[in-house]
Amino acid sequence: TDDWDFAAAGGEHIQLHLKYVRGPANKGGGATKFFNPANPAQ
């Protein structure tokens, strides 16, 4: 069970209620390279 309640000074608000049965999770991910444009060897 998750209950989230957010409120901002500008009047914005979000309330969320969720109840669920946990199941098997799918695994994922990977690797990403970010190259330095001034020196692509880095």
Full PDB file with SEQRES, HELIX, SHEET, SSBOND, CRYST1, ORIGX, SCALE, CONECT and MASTER records, all heavy atoms in Angstrom:
SEQRES   1 A   42  THR ASP ASP TRP ASP PHE ALA ALA ALA GLY GLY GLU HIS          
SEQRES   2 A   42  ILE GLN LEU HIS LEU LYS TYR VAL ARG GLY PRO ALA ASN          
SEQRES   3 A   42  LYS GLY GLY GLY ALA THR LYS PHE PHE ASN PRO ALA ASN          
SEQRES   4 A   42  PRO ALA GLN                                                  
SHEET    1 AA1 2 ASP A   2  ALA A   7  0                                        
SHEET    2 AA1 2 HIS A  13  LEU A  18 -1                                        
CRYST1    1.000    1.000    1.000  90.00  90.00  90.00 P 1           1          
ORIGX1      1.000000  0.000000  0.000000        0.00000                         
ORIGX2      0.000000  1.000000  0.000000        0.00000                         
ORIGX3      0.000000  0.000000  1.000000        0.00000                         
SCALE1      1.000000  0.000000  0.000000        0.00000                         
SCALE2      0.000000  1.000000  0.000000        0.00000                         
SCALE3      0.000000  0.000000  1.000000        0.00000                         
ATOM      1  N   THR A   1       0.853  -1.182   0.000  1.00  0.00           N  
ATOM      2  CA  THR A   1       0.000   0.000   0.000  1.00  0.00           C  
ATOM      3  C   THR A   1       0.891   1.235   0.000  1.00  0.00           C  
ATOM      4  O   THR A   1       1.794   1.344   0.822  1.00  0.00           O  
ATOM      5  CB  THR A   1      -0.929   0.024   1.231  1.00  0.00           C  
ATOM      6  OG1 THR A   1      -1.690  -1.179   1.261  1.00  0.00           O  
ATOM      7  CG2 THR A   1      -1.860   1.224   1.185  1.00  0.00           C  
ATOM      8  N   ASP A   2       0.647   2.130  -0.952  1.00  0.00           N  
ATOM      9  CA  ASP A   2       1.374   3.399  -1.048  1.00  0.00           C  
ATOM     10  C   ASP A   2       0.373   4.535  -0.942  1.00  0.00           C  
ATOM     11  O   ASP A   2      -0.660   4.514  -1.620  1.00  0.00           O  
ATOM     12  CB  ASP A   2       2.080   3.526  -2.397  1.00  0.00           C  
ATOM     13  CG  ASP A   2       3.353   2.723  -2.498  1.00  0.00           C  
ATOM     14  OD1 ASP A   2       3.582   1.804  -1.700  1.00  0.00           O  
ATOM     15  OD2 ASP A   2       4.122   3.022  -3.414  1.00  0.00           O  
ATOM     16  N   ASP A   3       0.668   5.521  -0.113  1.00  0.00           N  
ATOM     17  CA  ASP A   3      -0.123   6.747  -0.022  1.00  0.00           C  
ATOM     18  C   ASP A   3       0.834   7.918  -0.124  1.00  0.00           C  
ATOM     19  O   ASP A   3       1.756   8.046   0.681  1.00  0.00           O  
ATOM     20  CB  ASP A   3      -0.908   6.805   1.291  1.00  0.00           C  
ATOM     21  CG  ASP A   3      -2.060   5.817   1.294  1.00  0.00           C  
ATOM     22  OD1 ASP A   3      -3.000   6.021   0.510  1.00  0.00           O  
ATOM     23  OD2 ASP A   3      -2.005   4.844   2.066  1.00  0.00           O  
ATOM     24  N   TRP A   4       0.627   8.753  -1.148  1.00  0.00           N  
ATOM     25  CA  TRP A   4       1.477   9.909  -1.403  1.00  0.00           C  
ATOM     26  C   TRP A   4       0.618  11.155  -1.348  1.00  0.00           C  
ATOM     27  O   TRP A   4      -0.486  11.183  -1.881  1.00  0.00           O  
ATOM     28  CB  TRP A   4       2.112   9.808  -2.789  1.00  0.00           C  
ATOM     29  CG  TRP A   4       2.994   8.615  -2.990  1.00  0.00           C  
ATOM     30  CD1 TRP A   4       2.609   7.304  -3.078  1.00  0.00           C  
ATOM     31  CD2 TRP A   4       4.404   8.607  -3.131  1.00  0.00           C  
ATOM     32  NE1 TRP A   4       3.683   6.484  -3.271  1.00  0.00           N  
ATOM     33  CE2 TRP A   4       4.812   7.266  -3.318  1.00  0.00           C  
ATOM     34  CE3 TRP A   4       5.362   9.605  -3.132  1.00  0.00           C  
ATOM     35  CZ2 TRP A   4       6.138   6.911  -3.489  1.00  0.00           C  
ATOM     36  CZ3 TRP A   4       6.694   9.239  -3.315  1.00  0.00           C  
ATOM     37  CH2 TRP A   4       7.068   7.912  -3.485  1.00  0.00           C  
ATOM     38  N   ASP A   5       1.135  12.204  -0.714  1.00  0.00           N  
ATOM     39  CA  ASP A   5       0.405  13.467  -0.610  1.00  0.00           C  
ATOM     40  C   ASP A   5       1.409  14.606  -0.749  1.00  0.00           C  
ATOM     41  O   ASP A   5       2.252  14.805   0.121  1.00  0.00           O  
ATOM     42  CB  ASP A   5      -0.308  13.543   0.742  1.00  0.00           C  
ATOM     43  CG  ASP A   5      -1.310  14.674   0.817  1.00  0.00           C  
ATOM     44  OD1 ASP A   5      -1.401  15.481  -0.130  1.00  0.00           O  
ATOM     45  OD2 ASP A   5      -2.011  14.757   1.842  1.00  0.00           O  
ATOM     46  N   PHE A   6       1.328  15.317  -1.874  1.00  0.00           N  
ATOM     47  CA  PHE A   6       2.235  16.431  -2.151  1.00  0.00           C  
ATOM     48  C   PHE A   6       1.437  17.716  -2.238  1.00  0.00           C  
ATOM     49  O   PHE A   6       0.349  17.734  -2.820  1.00  0.00           O  
ATOM     50  CB  PHE A   6       2.965  16.239  -3.489  1.00  0.00           C  
ATOM     51  CG  PHE A   6       3.840  15.023  -3.545  1.00  0.00           C  
ATOM     52  CD1 PHE A   6       3.392  13.855  -4.138  1.00  0.00           C  
ATOM     53  CD2 PHE A   6       5.113  15.053  -3.003  1.00  0.00           C  
ATOM     54  CE1 PHE A   6       4.198  12.732  -4.198  1.00  0.00           C  
ATOM     55  CE2 PHE A   6       5.929  13.936  -3.063  1.00  0.00           C  
ATOM     56  CZ  PHE A   6       5.474  12.769  -3.660  1.00  0.00           C  
ATOM     57  N   ALA A   7       1.981  18.796  -1.707  1.00  0.00           N  
ATOM     58  CA  ALA A   7       1.346  20.112  -1.811  1.00  0.00           C  
ATOM     59  C   ALA A   7       2.440  21.166  -1.958  1.00  0.00           C  
ATOM     60  O   ALA A   7       3.475  21.088  -1.295  1.00  0.00           O  
ATOM     61  CB  ALA A   7       0.499  20.403  -0.577  1.00  0.00           C  
ATOM     62  N   ALA A   8       2.192  22.141  -2.836  1.00  0.00           N  
ATOM     63  CA  ALA A   8       3.150  23.223  -3.073  1.00  0.00           C  
ATOM     64  C   ALA A   8       2.558  24.545  -2.620  1.00  0.00           C  
ATOM     65  O   ALA A   8       1.337  24.697  -2.508  1.00  0.00           O  
ATOM     66  CB  ALA A   8       3.507  23.293  -4.557  1.00  0.00           C  
ATOM     67  N   ALA A   9       3.427  25.505  -2.406  1.00  0.00           N  
ATOM     68  CA  ALA A   9       2.993  26.822  -1.946  1.00  0.00           C  
ATOM     69  C   ALA A   9       2.072  27.507  -2.950  1.00  0.00           C  
ATOM     70  O   ALA A   9       1.233  28.320  -2.581  1.00  0.00           O  
ATOM     71  CB  ALA A   9       4.210  27.710  -1.671  1.00  0.00           C  
ATOM     72  N   GLY A  10       2.184  27.154  -4.238  1.00  0.00           N  
ATOM     73  CA  GLY A  10       1.347  27.760  -5.276  1.00  0.00           C  
ATOM     74  C   GLY A  10      -0.039  27.156  -5.379  1.00  0.00           C  
ATOM     75  O   GLY A  10      -0.810  27.520  -6.267  1.00  0.00           O  
ATOM     76  N   GLY A  11      -0.366  26.210  -4.496  1.00  0.00           N  
ATOM     77  CA  GLY A  11      -1.691  25.593  -4.500  1.00  0.00           C  
ATOM     78  C   GLY A  11      -1.756  24.259  -5.222  1.00  0.00           C  
ATOM     79  O   GLY A  11      -2.764  23.563  -5.161  1.00  0.00           O  
ATOM     80  N   GLU A  12      -0.687  23.882  -5.918  1.00  0.00           N  
ATOM     81  CA  GLU A  12      -0.668  22.589  -6.595  1.00  0.00           C  
ATOM     82  C   GLU A  12      -0.675  21.469  -5.554  1.00  0.00           C  
ATOM     83  O   GLU A  12      -0.041  21.569  -4.515  1.00  0.00           O  
ATOM     84  CB  GLU A  12       0.590  22.456  -7.482  1.00  0.00           C  
ATOM     85  CG  GLU A  12       0.676  23.430  -8.613  1.00  0.00           C  
ATOM     86  CD  GLU A  12       1.290  24.765  -8.228  1.00  0.00           C  
ATOM     87  OE1 GLU A  12       1.652  24.967  -7.046  1.00  0.00           O  
ATOM     88  OE2 GLU A  12       1.402  25.615  -9.113  1.00  0.00           O  
ATOM     89  N   HIS A  13      -1.422  20.398  -5.857  1.00  0.00           N  
ATOM     90  CA  HIS A  13      -1.459  19.266  -4.944  1.00  0.00           C  
ATOM     91  C   HIS A  13      -1.716  17.972  -5.715  1.00  0.00           C  
ATOM     92  O   HIS A  13      -2.377  17.979  -6.753  1.00  0.00           O  
ATOM     93  CB  HIS A  13      -2.536  19.450  -3.869  1.00  0.00           C  
ATOM     94  CG  HIS A  13      -3.912  19.560  -4.440  1.00  0.00           C  
ATOM     95  ND1 HIS A  13      -4.413  20.756  -4.923  1.00  0.00           N  
ATOM     96  CD2 HIS A  13      -4.876  18.636  -4.655  1.00  0.00           C  
ATOM     97  CE1 HIS A  13      -5.636  20.557  -5.379  1.00  0.00           C  
ATOM     98  NE2 HIS A  13      -5.934  19.275  -5.235  1.00  0.00           N  
ATOM     99  N   ILE A  14      -1.156  16.893  -5.201  1.00  0.00           N  
ATOM    100  CA  ILE A  14      -1.367  15.548  -5.748  1.00  0.00           C  
ATOM    101  C   ILE A  14      -1.535  14.601  -4.573  1.00  0.00           C  
ATOM    102  O   ILE A  14      -0.732  14.596  -3.646  1.00  0.00           O  
ATOM    103  CB  ILE A  14      -0.185  15.076  -6.610  1.00  0.00           C  
ATOM    104  CG1 ILE A  14      -0.006  15.976  -7.841  1.00  0.00           C  
ATOM    105  CG2 ILE A  14      -0.371  13.628  -7.050  1.00  0.00           C  
ATOM    106  CD1 ILE A  14       1.192  15.608  -8.691  1.00  0.00           C  
ATOM    107  N   GLN A  15      -2.590  13.794  -4.637  1.00  0.00           N  
ATOM    108  CA  GLN A  15      -2.813  12.735  -3.655  1.00  0.00           C  
ATOM    109  C   GLN A  15      -2.985  11.434  -4.424  1.00  0.00           C  
ATOM    110  O   GLN A  15      -3.777  11.366  -5.366  1.00  0.00           O  
ATOM    111  CB  GLN A  15      -4.063  12.993  -2.834  1.00  0.00           C  
ATOM    112  CG  GLN A  15      -3.941  14.185  -1.914  1.00  0.00           C  
ATOM    113  CD  GLN A  15      -5.233  14.439  -1.160  1.00  0.00           C  
ATOM    114  OE1 GLN A  15      -6.314  14.432  -1.754  1.00  0.00           O  
ATOM    115  NE2 GLN A  15      -5.114  14.666   0.128  1.00  0.00           N  
ATOM    116  N   LEU A  16      -2.232  10.417  -4.023  1.00  0.00           N  
ATOM    117  CA  LEU A  16      -2.281   9.122  -4.688  1.00  0.00           C  
ATOM    118  C   LEU A  16      -2.435   8.031  -3.647  1.00  0.00           C  
ATOM    119  O   LEU A  16      -1.742   8.046  -2.618  1.00  0.00           O  
ATOM    120  CB  LEU A  16      -0.997   8.886  -5.491  1.00  0.00           C  
ATOM    121  CG  LEU A  16      -0.835   7.477  -6.062  1.00  0.00           C  
ATOM    122  CD1 LEU A  16      -1.656   7.359  -7.342  1.00  0.00           C  
ATOM    123  CD2 LEU A  16       0.615   7.163  -6.325  1.00  0.00           C  
ATOM    124  N   HIS A  17      -3.342   7.099  -3.907  1.00  0.00           N  
ATOM    125  CA  HIS A  17      -3.504   5.914  -3.067  1.00  0.00           C  
ATOM    126  C   HIS A  17      -3.450   4.713  -3.996  1.00  0.00           C  
ATOM    127  O   HIS A  17      -4.153   4.667  -5.010  1.00  0.00           O  
ATOM    128  CB  HIS A  17      -4.835   5.937  -2.311  1.00  0.00           C  
ATOM    129  CG  HIS A  17      -5.153   4.629  -1.651  1.00  0.00           C  
ATOM    130  ND1 HIS A  17      -4.497   4.202  -0.514  1.00  0.00           N  
ATOM    131  CD2 HIS A  17      -6.016   3.653  -1.993  1.00  0.00           C  
ATOM    132  CE1 HIS A  17      -4.975   3.013  -0.179  1.00  0.00           C  
ATOM    133  NE2 HIS A  17      -5.894   2.659  -1.057  1.00  0.00           N  
ATOM    134  N   LEU A  18      -2.599   3.746  -3.664  1.00  0.00           N  
ATOM    135  CA  LEU A  18      -2.453   2.544  -4.483  1.00  0.00           C  
ATOM    136  C   LEU A  18      -2.237   1.345  -3.582  1.00  0.00           C  
ATOM    137  O   LEU A  18      -1.408   1.380  -2.672  1.00  0.00           O  
ATOM    138  CB  LEU A  18      -1.265   2.696  -5.439  1.00  0.00           C  
ATOM    139  CG  LEU A  18      -0.919   1.504  -6.312  1.00  0.00           C  
ATOM    140  CD1 LEU A  18      -2.049   1.190  -7.280  1.00  0.00           C  
ATOM    141  CD2 LEU A  18       0.369   1.765  -7.078  1.00  0.00           C  
ATOM    142  N   LYS A  19      -3.010   0.306  -3.836  1.00  0.00           N  
ATOM    143  CA  LYS A  19      -2.847  -0.956  -3.128  1.00  0.00           C  
ATOM    144  C   LYS A  19      -2.772  -2.047  -4.186  1.00  0.00           C  
ATOM    145  O   LYS A  19      -3.633  -2.122  -5.067  1.00  0.00           O  
ATOM    146  CB  LYS A  19      -4.030  -1.204  -2.179  1.00  0.00           C  
ATOM    147  CG  LYS A  19      -3.887  -2.439  -1.320  1.00  0.00           C  
ATOM    148  CD  LYS A  19      -5.046  -2.515  -0.333  1.00  0.00           C  
ATOM    149  CE  LYS A  19      -4.901  -3.677   0.609  1.00  0.00           C  
ATOM    150  NZ  LYS A  19      -6.013  -3.711   1.582  1.00  0.00           N  
ATOM    151  N   TYR A  20      -1.722  -2.875  -4.126  1.00  0.00           N  
ATOM    152  CA  TYR A  20      -1.523  -3.893  -5.150  1.00  0.00           C  
ATOM    153  C   TYR A  20      -0.851  -5.126  -4.557  1.00  0.00           C  
ATOM    154  O   TYR A  20      -0.245  -5.071  -3.492  1.00  0.00           O  
ATOM    155  CB  TYR A  20      -0.693  -3.344  -6.315  1.00  0.00           C  
ATOM    156  CG  TYR A  20       0.720  -2.953  -5.940  1.00  0.00           C  
ATOM    157  CD1 TYR A  20       1.777  -3.830  -6.135  1.00  0.00           C  
ATOM    158  CD2 TYR A  20       1.007  -1.715  -5.389  1.00  0.00           C  
ATOM    159  CE1 TYR A  20       3.069  -3.482  -5.791  1.00  0.00           C  
ATOM    160  CE2 TYR A  20       2.292  -1.352  -5.048  1.00  0.00           C  
ATOM    161  CZ  TYR A  20       3.325  -2.245  -5.249  1.00  0.00           C  
ATOM    162  OH  TYR A  20       4.595  -1.900  -4.899  1.00  0.00           O  
ATOM    163  N   VAL A  21      -0.951  -6.228  -5.273  1.00  0.00           N  
ATOM    164  CA  VAL A  21      -0.280  -7.467  -4.898  1.00  0.00           C  
ATOM    165  C   VAL A  21       1.042  -7.503  -5.649  1.00  0.00           C  
ATOM    166  O   VAL A  21       1.072  -7.377  -6.881  1.00  0.00           O  
ATOM    167  CB  VAL A  21      -1.131  -8.706  -5.249  1.00  0.00           C  
ATOM    168  CG1 VAL A  21      -0.363  -9.983  -4.950  1.00  0.00           C  
ATOM    169  CG2 VAL A  21      -2.450  -8.677  -4.490  1.00  0.00           C  
ATOM    170  N   ARG A  22       2.127  -7.628  -4.912  1.00  0.00           N  
ATOM    171  CA  ARG A  22       3.455  -7.660  -5.519  1.00  0.00           C  
ATOM    172  C   ARG A  22       3.617  -8.936  -6.342  1.00  0.00           C  
ATOM    173  O   ARG A  22       3.178 -10.003  -5.950  1.00  0.00           O  
ATOM    174  CB  ARG A  22       4.534  -7.592  -4.446  1.00  0.00           C  
ATOM    175  CG  ARG A  22       5.940  -7.495  -5.019  1.00  0.00           C  
ATOM    176  CD  ARG A  22       7.006  -7.512  -3.949  1.00  0.00           C  
ATOM    177  NE  ARG A  22       6.910  -6.335  -3.096  1.00  0.00           N  
ATOM    178  CZ  ARG A  22       7.495  -6.239  -1.912  1.00  0.00           C  
ATOM    179  NH1 ARG A  22       8.191  -7.246  -1.431  1.00  0.00           N  
ATOM    180  NH2 ARG A  22       7.375  -5.134  -1.206  1.00  0.00           N  
ATOM    181  N   GLY A  23       4.259  -8.779  -7.496  1.00  0.00           N  
ATOM    182  CA  GLY A  23       4.520  -9.918  -8.365  1.00  0.00           C  
ATOM    183  C   GLY A  23       5.990 -10.010  -8.690  1.00  0.00           C  
ATOM    184  O   GLY A  23       6.802  -9.224  -8.200  1.00  0.00           O  
ATOM    185  N   PRO A  24       6.340 -10.959  -9.550  1.00  0.00           N  
ATOM    186  CA  PRO A  24       7.749 -11.072  -9.935  1.00  0.00           C  
ATOM    187  C   PRO A  24       8.157  -9.867 -10.771  1.00  0.00           C  
ATOM    188  O   PRO A  24       7.421  -9.436 -11.656  1.00  0.00           O  
ATOM    189  CB  PRO A  24       7.796 -12.357 -10.761  1.00  0.00           C  
ATOM    190  CG  PRO A  24       6.401 -12.542 -11.254  1.00  0.00           C  
ATOM    191  CD  PRO A  24       5.506 -11.953 -10.213  1.00  0.00           C  
ATOM    192  N   ALA A  25       9.314  -9.324 -10.482  1.00  0.00           N  
ATOM    193  CA  ALA A  25       9.792  -8.140 -11.197  1.00  0.00           C  
ATOM    194  C   ALA A  25      10.621  -8.548 -12.409  1.00  0.00           C  
ATOM    195  O   ALA A  25      11.300  -9.570 -12.399  1.00  0.00           O  
ATOM    196  CB  ALA A  25      10.616  -7.268 -10.260  1.00  0.00           C  
ATOM    197  N   ASN A  26      10.528  -7.756 -13.465  1.00  0.00           N  
ATOM    198  CA  ASN A  26      11.337  -7.955 -14.663  1.00  0.00           C  
ATOM    199  C   ASN A  26      12.651  -7.216 -14.477  1.00  0.00           C  
ATOM    200  O   ASN A  26      12.663  -6.049 -14.097  1.00  0.00           O  
ATOM    201  CB  ASN A  26      10.604  -7.397 -15.892  1.00  0.00           C  
ATOM    202  CG  ASN A  26       9.274  -8.056 -16.098  1.00  0.00           C  
ATOM    203  OD1 ASN A  26       9.199  -9.265 -16.226  1.00  0.00           O  
ATOM    204  ND2 ASN A  26       8.215  -7.281 -16.118  1.00  0.00           N  
ATOM    205  N   LYS A  27      13.757  -7.897 -14.770  1.00  0.00           N  
ATOM    206  CA  LYS A  27      15.071  -7.274 -14.617  1.00  0.00           C  
ATOM    207  C   LYS A  27      15.503  -6.669 -15.947  1.00  0.00           C  
ATOM    208  O   LYS A  27      15.196  -7.191 -17.010  1.00  0.00           O  
ATOM    209  CB  LYS A  27      16.096  -8.303 -14.165  1.00  0.00           C  
ATOM    210  CG  LYS A  27      15.830  -8.813 -12.764  1.00  0.00           C  
ATOM    211  CD  LYS A  27      16.889  -9.788 -12.318  1.00  0.00           C  
ATOM    212  CE  LYS A  27      16.582 -10.272 -10.914  1.00  0.00           C  
ATOM    213  NZ  LYS A  27      17.588 -11.212 -10.437  1.00  0.00           N  
ATOM    214  N   GLY A  28      16.199  -5.536 -15.861  1.00  0.00           N  
ATOM    215  CA  GLY A  28      16.693  -4.879 -17.066  1.00  0.00           C  
ATOM    216  C   GLY A  28      17.822  -3.943 -16.731  1.00  0.00           C  
ATOM    217  O   GLY A  28      18.310  -3.899 -15.610  1.00  0.00           O  
ATOM    218  N   GLY A  29      18.238  -3.191 -17.722  1.00  0.00           N  
ATOM    219  CA  GLY A  29      19.309  -2.234 -17.538  1.00  0.00           C  
ATOM    220  C   GLY A  29      20.276  -2.306 -18.690  1.00  0.00           C  
ATOM    221  O   GLY A  29      20.007  -2.902 -19.725  1.00  0.00           O  
ATOM    222  N   GLY A  30      21.419  -1.685 -18.509  1.00  0.00           N  
ATOM    223  CA  GLY A  30      22.434  -1.673 -19.552  1.00  0.00           C  
ATOM    224  C   GLY A  30      23.458  -0.595 -19.282  1.00  0.00           C  
ATOM    225  O   GLY A  30      23.461   0.039 -18.234  1.00  0.00           O  
ATOM    226  N   ALA A  31      24.335  -0.400 -20.265  1.00  0.00           N  
ATOM    227  CA  ALA A  31      25.401   0.586 -20.130  1.00  0.00           C  
ATOM    228  C   ALA A  31      25.326   1.577 -21.280  1.00  0.00           C  
ATOM    229  O   ALA A  31      25.021   1.210 -22.412  1.00  0.00           O  
ATOM    230  CB  ALA A  31      26.762  -0.101 -20.117  1.00  0.00           C  
ATOM    231  N   THR A  32      25.615   2.852 -20.971  1.00  0.00           N  
ATOM    232  CA  THR A  32      25.650   3.918 -21.967  1.00  0.00           C  
ATOM    233  C   THR A  32      26.946   4.689 -21.782  1.00  0.00           C  
ATOM    234  O   THR A  32      27.323   5.012 -20.655  1.00  0.00           O  
ATOM    235  CB  THR A  32      24.456   4.882 -21.790  1.00  0.00           C  
ATOM    236  OG1 THR A  32      23.250   4.133 -21.871  1.00  0.00           O  
ATOM    237  CG2 THR A  32      24.454   5.957 -22.850  1.00  0.00           C  
ATOM    238  N   LYS A  33      27.622   4.976 -22.889  1.00  0.00           N  
ATOM    239  CA  LYS A  33      28.854   5.765 -22.835  1.00  0.00           C  
ATOM    240  C   LYS A  33      28.547   7.194 -23.261  1.00  0.00           C  
ATOM    241  O   LYS A  33      27.876   7.420 -24.266  1.00  0.00           O  
ATOM    242  CB  LYS A  33      29.922   5.175 -23.756  1.00  0.00           C  
ATOM    243  CG  LYS A  33      30.513   3.886 -23.252  1.00  0.00           C  
ATOM    244  CD  LYS A  33      31.637   3.409 -24.151  1.00  0.00           C  
ATOM    245  CE  LYS A  33      32.232   2.121 -23.606  1.00  0.00           C  
ATOM    246  NZ  LYS A  33      33.332   1.638 -24.452  1.00  0.00           N  
ATOM    247  N   PHE A  34      29.046   8.151 -22.484  1.00  0.00           N  
ATOM    248  CA  PHE A  34      28.926   9.570 -22.788  1.00  0.00           C  
ATOM    249  C   PHE A  34      30.327  10.090 -23.111  1.00  0.00           C  
ATOM    250  O   PHE A  34      31.187  10.148 -22.233  1.00  0.00           O  
ATOM    251  CB  PHE A  34      28.325  10.335 -21.599  1.00  0.00           C  
ATOM    252  CG  PHE A  34      26.928   9.899 -21.268  1.00  0.00           C  
ATOM    253  CD1 PHE A  34      26.694   8.935 -20.299  1.00  0.00           C  
ATOM    254  CD2 PHE A  34      25.844  10.457 -21.931  1.00  0.00           C  
ATOM    255  CE1 PHE A  34      25.403   8.530 -19.991  1.00  0.00           C  
ATOM    256  CE2 PHE A  34      24.552  10.063 -21.630  1.00  0.00           C  
ATOM    257  CZ  PHE A  34      24.332   9.097 -20.663  1.00  0.00           C  
ATOM    258  N   PHE A  35      30.553  10.434 -24.386  1.00  0.00           N  
ATOM    259  CA  PHE A  35      31.869  10.869 -24.842  1.00  0.00           C  
ATOM    260  C   PHE A  35      32.053  12.367 -24.668  1.00  0.00           C  
ATOM    261  O   PHE A  35      31.123  13.144 -24.842  1.00  0.00           O  
ATOM    262  CB  PHE A  35      32.060  10.486 -26.323  1.00  0.00           C  
ATOM    263  CG  PHE A  35      32.187   9.014 -26.532  1.00  0.00           C  
ATOM    264  CD1 PHE A  35      31.069   8.237 -26.756  1.00  0.00           C  
ATOM    265  CD2 PHE A  35      33.433   8.396 -26.484  1.00  0.00           C  
ATOM    266  CE1 PHE A  35      31.181   6.869 -26.940  1.00  0.00           C  
ATOM    267  CE2 PHE A  35      33.555   7.032 -26.666  1.00  0.00           C  
ATOM    268  CZ  PHE A  35      32.427   6.254 -26.894  1.00  0.00           C  
ATOM    269  N   ASN A  36      33.291  12.776 -24.369  1.00  0.00           N  
ATOM    270  CA  ASN A  36      33.666  14.172 -24.255  1.00  0.00           C  
ATOM    271  C   ASN A  36      33.819  14.724 -25.676  1.00  0.00           C  
ATOM    272  O   ASN A  36      34.673  14.252 -26.424  1.00  0.00           O  
ATOM    273  CB  ASN A  36      34.984  14.290 -23.484  1.00  0.00           C  
ATOM    274  CG  ASN A  36      35.466  15.708 -23.334  1.00  0.00           C  
ATOM    275  OD1 ASN A  36      35.006  16.621 -24.016  1.00  0.00           O  
ATOM    276  ND2 ASN A  36      36.418  15.892 -22.426  1.00  0.00           N  
ATOM    277  N   PRO A  37      33.004  15.704 -26.093  1.00  0.00           N  
ATOM    278  CA  PRO A  37      33.099  16.209 -27.462  1.00  0.00           C  
ATOM    279  C   PRO A  37      34.454  16.852 -27.772  1.00  0.00           C  
ATOM    280  O   PRO A  37      34.895  16.846 -28.922  1.00  0.00           O  
ATOM    281  CB  PRO A  37      31.977  17.238 -27.576  1.00  0.00           C  
ATOM    282  CG  PRO A  37      31.331  17.331 -26.251  1.00  0.00           C  
ATOM    283  CD  PRO A  37      31.961  16.353 -25.334  1.00  0.00           C  
ATOM    284  N   ALA A  38      35.141  17.405 -26.772  1.00  0.00           N  
ATOM    285  CA  ALA A  38      36.447  18.010 -27.000  1.00  0.00           C  
ATOM    286  C   ALA A  38      37.541  16.957 -27.153  1.00  0.00           C  
ATOM    287  O   ALA A  38      38.560  17.199 -27.792  1.00  0.00           O  
ATOM    288  CB  ALA A  38      36.792  18.961 -25.863  1.00  0.00           C  
ATOM    289  N   ASN A  39      37.321  15.782 -26.545  1.00  0.00           N  
ATOM    290  CA  ASN A  39      38.298  14.697 -26.625  1.00  0.00           C  
ATOM    291  C   ASN A  39      37.537  13.366 -26.605  1.00  0.00           C  
ATOM    292  O   ASN A  39      37.290  12.805 -25.536  1.00  0.00           O  
ATOM    293  CB  ASN A  39      39.283  14.777 -25.456  1.00  0.00           C  
ATOM    294  CG  ASN A  39      40.331  13.678 -25.520  1.00  0.00           C  
ATOM    295  OD1 ASN A  39      40.307  12.818 -26.406  1.00  0.00           O  
ATOM    296  ND2 ASN A  39      41.250  13.691 -24.568  1.00  0.00           N  
ATOM    297  N   PRO A  40      37.183  12.836 -27.772  1.00  0.00           N  
ATOM    298  CA  PRO A  40      36.386  11.607 -27.835  1.00  0.00           C  
ATOM    299  C   PRO A  40      37.051  10.382 -27.211  1.00  0.00           C  
ATOM    300  O   PRO A  40      36.391   9.373 -26.997  1.00  0.00           O  
ATOM    301  CB  PRO A  40      36.169  11.405 -29.332  1.00  0.00           C  
ATOM    302  CG  PRO A  40      36.333  12.753 -29.931  1.00  0.00           C  
ATOM    303  CD  PRO A  40      37.369  13.438 -29.087  1.00  0.00           C  
ATOM    304  N   ALA A  41      38.334  10.488 -26.891  1.00  0.00           N  
ATOM    305  CA  ALA A  41      38.986   9.371 -26.206  1.00  0.00           C  
ATOM    306  C   ALA A  41      38.566   9.305 -24.740  1.00  0.00           C  
ATOM    307  O   ALA A  41      38.752   8.284 -24.078  1.00  0.00           O  
ATOM    308  CB  ALA A  41      40.506   9.490 -26.324  1.00  0.00           C  
ATOM    309  N   GLN A  42      38.007  10.394 -24.226  1.00  0.00           N  
ATOM    310  CA  GLN A  42      37.525  10.432 -22.846  1.00  0.00           C  
ATOM    311  C   GLN A  42      36.015  10.203 -22.824  1.00  0.00           C  
ATOM    312  O   GLN A  42      35.288  10.784 -23.635  1.00  0.00           O  
ATOM    313  CB  GLN A  42      37.831  11.775 -22.192  1.00  0.00           C  
ATOM    314  CG  GLN A  42      39.294  12.067 -22.021  1.00  0.00           C  
ATOM    315  CD  GLN A  42      39.515  13.450 -21.417  1.00  0.00           C  
ATOM    316  OE1 GLN A  42      38.649  14.315 -21.489  1.00  0.00           O  
ATOM    317  NE2 GLN A  42      40.684  13.647 -20.821  1.00  0.00           N  
TER     318      GLN A  42                                                      
MASTER        0    0    0    0    2    0    0    6  317    1    0    4          
END                                                                             
